[in-house]
Amino acid sequence: MDLDPRTSALVAIDLQNGVVGRDTRPRPASEVLASARPLAARFRAAAG
């Protein structure tokens, strides 16, 4: 999939320390963060 960084946004909701420290379902917070970090890095890099 190709996303245009000029018209695309990554929305990461409730990834603060207090939220990710809880027992999360259906996926553990560590898995959610492991997926969100590289996505955020790619969006930042594309934005320049």
N, C-alpha and C. Protein backbone atom coordinates (compact mmCIF):
# COMPACT_ATOMS: atom_id res chain seq x y z
N MET A 1 0.85 -1.17 0.00
CA MET A 1 0.00 0.00 0.00
C MET A 1 0.89 1.23 0.00
N ASP A 2 0.58 2.17 -0.84
CA ASP A 2 1.29 3.44 -0.88
C ASP A 2 0.44 4.52 -0.23
N LEU A 3 1.03 5.21 0.74
CA LEU A 3 0.34 6.31 1.41
C LEU A 3 1.05 7.61 1.07
N ASP A 4 0.30 8.63 0.83
CA ASP A 4 0.86 9.95 0.55
C ASP A 4 1.03 10.68 1.89
N PRO A 5 2.28 10.97 2.31
CA PRO A 5 2.48 11.61 3.60
C PRO A 5 1.87 13.01 3.69
N ARG A 6 1.56 13.62 2.56
CA ARG A 6 0.94 14.94 2.59
C ARG A 6 -0.54 14.86 2.96
N THR A 7 -1.15 13.69 2.75
CA THR A 7 -2.59 13.56 3.01
C THR A 7 -2.93 12.41 3.95
N SER A 8 -1.92 11.78 4.54
CA SER A 8 -2.14 10.63 5.42
C SER A 8 -1.76 10.98 6.86
N ALA A 9 -2.37 10.29 7.79
CA ALA A 9 -2.05 10.49 9.20
C ALA A 9 -2.07 9.14 9.91
N LEU A 10 -1.21 9.01 10.89
CA LEU A 10 -1.21 7.85 11.76
C LEU A 10 -1.83 8.29 13.07
N VAL A 11 -2.88 7.63 13.49
CA VAL A 11 -3.55 7.97 14.74
C VAL A 11 -3.31 6.84 15.72
N ALA A 12 -2.52 7.11 16.74
CA ALA A 12 -2.22 6.13 17.78
C ALA A 12 -2.92 6.61 19.05
N ILE A 13 -3.91 5.87 19.47
CA ILE A 13 -4.76 6.29 20.58
C ILE A 13 -4.42 5.52 21.85
N ASP A 14 -4.37 6.24 22.97
CA ASP A 14 -4.19 5.66 24.31
C ASP A 14 -2.93 4.82 24.45
N LEU A 15 -1.79 5.37 24.03
CA LEU A 15 -0.53 4.66 24.24
C LEU A 15 0.31 5.33 25.34
N GLN A 16 -0.36 6.02 26.27
CA GLN A 16 0.35 6.61 27.40
C GLN A 16 0.75 5.52 28.40
N ASN A 17 1.71 5.85 29.25
CA ASN A 17 2.21 4.87 30.22
C ASN A 17 1.10 4.26 31.08
N GLY A 18 0.16 5.06 31.54
CA GLY A 18 -0.90 4.53 32.40
C GLY A 18 -1.80 3.53 31.70
N VAL A 19 -1.98 3.69 30.41
CA VAL A 19 -2.85 2.79 29.65
C VAL A 19 -2.11 1.52 29.27
N VAL A 20 -0.89 1.65 28.76
CA VAL A 20 -0.17 0.46 28.31
C VAL A 20 0.31 -0.38 29.49
N GLY A 21 0.28 0.16 30.68
CA GLY A 21 0.64 -0.61 31.86
C GLY A 21 -0.47 -1.54 32.33
N ARG A 22 -1.63 -1.40 31.76
CA ARG A 22 -2.78 -2.24 32.15
C ARG A 22 -2.77 -3.56 31.37
N ASP A 23 -3.59 -4.48 31.85
CA ASP A 23 -3.80 -5.73 31.13
C ASP A 23 -4.71 -5.42 29.95
N THR A 24 -4.21 -5.56 28.75
CA THR A 24 -4.98 -5.19 27.56
C THR A 24 -5.39 -6.43 26.78
N ARG A 25 -6.50 -6.34 26.13
CA ARG A 25 -7.02 -7.44 25.32
C ARG A 25 -7.60 -6.87 24.05
N PRO A 26 -7.59 -7.49 22.94
CA PRO A 26 -7.18 -8.87 22.71
C PRO A 26 -5.68 -9.03 22.55
N ARG A 27 -4.92 -7.94 22.49
CA ARG A 27 -3.46 -8.05 22.33
C ARG A 27 -2.77 -7.39 23.53
N PRO A 28 -1.66 -7.96 23.95
CA PRO A 28 -0.93 -7.32 25.06
C PRO A 28 -0.34 -5.99 24.61
N ALA A 29 -0.22 -5.07 25.56
CA ALA A 29 0.29 -3.74 25.26
C ALA A 29 1.67 -3.80 24.61
N SER A 30 2.50 -4.74 25.01
CA SER A 30 3.84 -4.85 24.42
C SER A 30 3.76 -5.13 22.92
N GLU A 31 2.79 -5.92 22.50
CA GLU A 31 2.61 -6.21 21.07
C GLU A 31 2.09 -4.97 20.32
N VAL A 32 1.19 -4.25 20.94
CA VAL A 32 0.65 -3.03 20.32
C VAL A 32 1.78 -2.01 20.13
N LEU A 33 2.59 -1.81 21.17
CA LEU A 33 3.71 -0.87 21.07
C LEU A 33 4.74 -1.33 20.04
N ALA A 34 5.01 -2.63 20.00
CA ALA A 34 5.97 -3.15 19.03
C ALA A 34 5.51 -2.89 17.60
N SER A 35 4.22 -2.86 17.37
CA SER A 35 3.67 -2.56 16.04
C SER A 35 3.62 -1.06 15.78
N ALA A 36 3.31 -0.28 16.81
CA ALA A 36 3.14 1.17 16.64
C ALA A 36 4.46 1.90 16.44
N ARG A 37 5.51 1.46 17.11
CA ARG A 37 6.80 2.17 17.02
C ARG A 37 7.33 2.25 15.60
N PRO A 38 7.44 1.14 14.87
CA PRO A 38 7.97 1.26 13.50
C PRO A 38 7.03 2.03 12.57
N LEU A 39 5.73 1.94 12.80
CA LEU A 39 4.79 2.72 11.99
C LEU A 39 5.01 4.21 12.22
N ALA A 40 5.14 4.60 13.47
CA ALA A 40 5.37 6.01 13.79
C ALA A 40 6.69 6.49 13.19
N ALA A 41 7.72 5.67 13.26
CA ALA A 41 9.01 6.04 12.69
C ALA A 41 8.91 6.23 11.18
N ARG A 42 8.19 5.35 10.51
CA ARG A 42 8.04 5.48 9.05
C ARG A 42 7.24 6.72 8.67
N PHE A 43 6.21 7.03 9.45
CA PHE A 43 5.43 8.24 9.17
C PHE A 43 6.27 9.48 9.39
N ARG A 44 7.07 9.50 10.47
CA ARG A 44 7.93 10.66 10.72
C ARG A 44 8.95 10.83 9.61
N ALA A 45 9.55 9.73 9.17
CA ALA A 45 10.55 9.78 8.11
C ALA A 45 9.94 10.28 6.79
N ALA A 46 8.73 9.83 6.50
CA ALA A 46 8.06 10.23 5.25
C ALA A 46 7.68 11.70 5.29
N ALA A 47 7.39 12.22 6.47
CA ALA A 47 6.97 13.61 6.59
C ALA A 47 8.13 14.58 6.43
N GLY A 48 9.33 14.06 6.64
CA GLY A 48 10.53 14.91 6.46
C GLY A 48 10.76 15.71 7.64
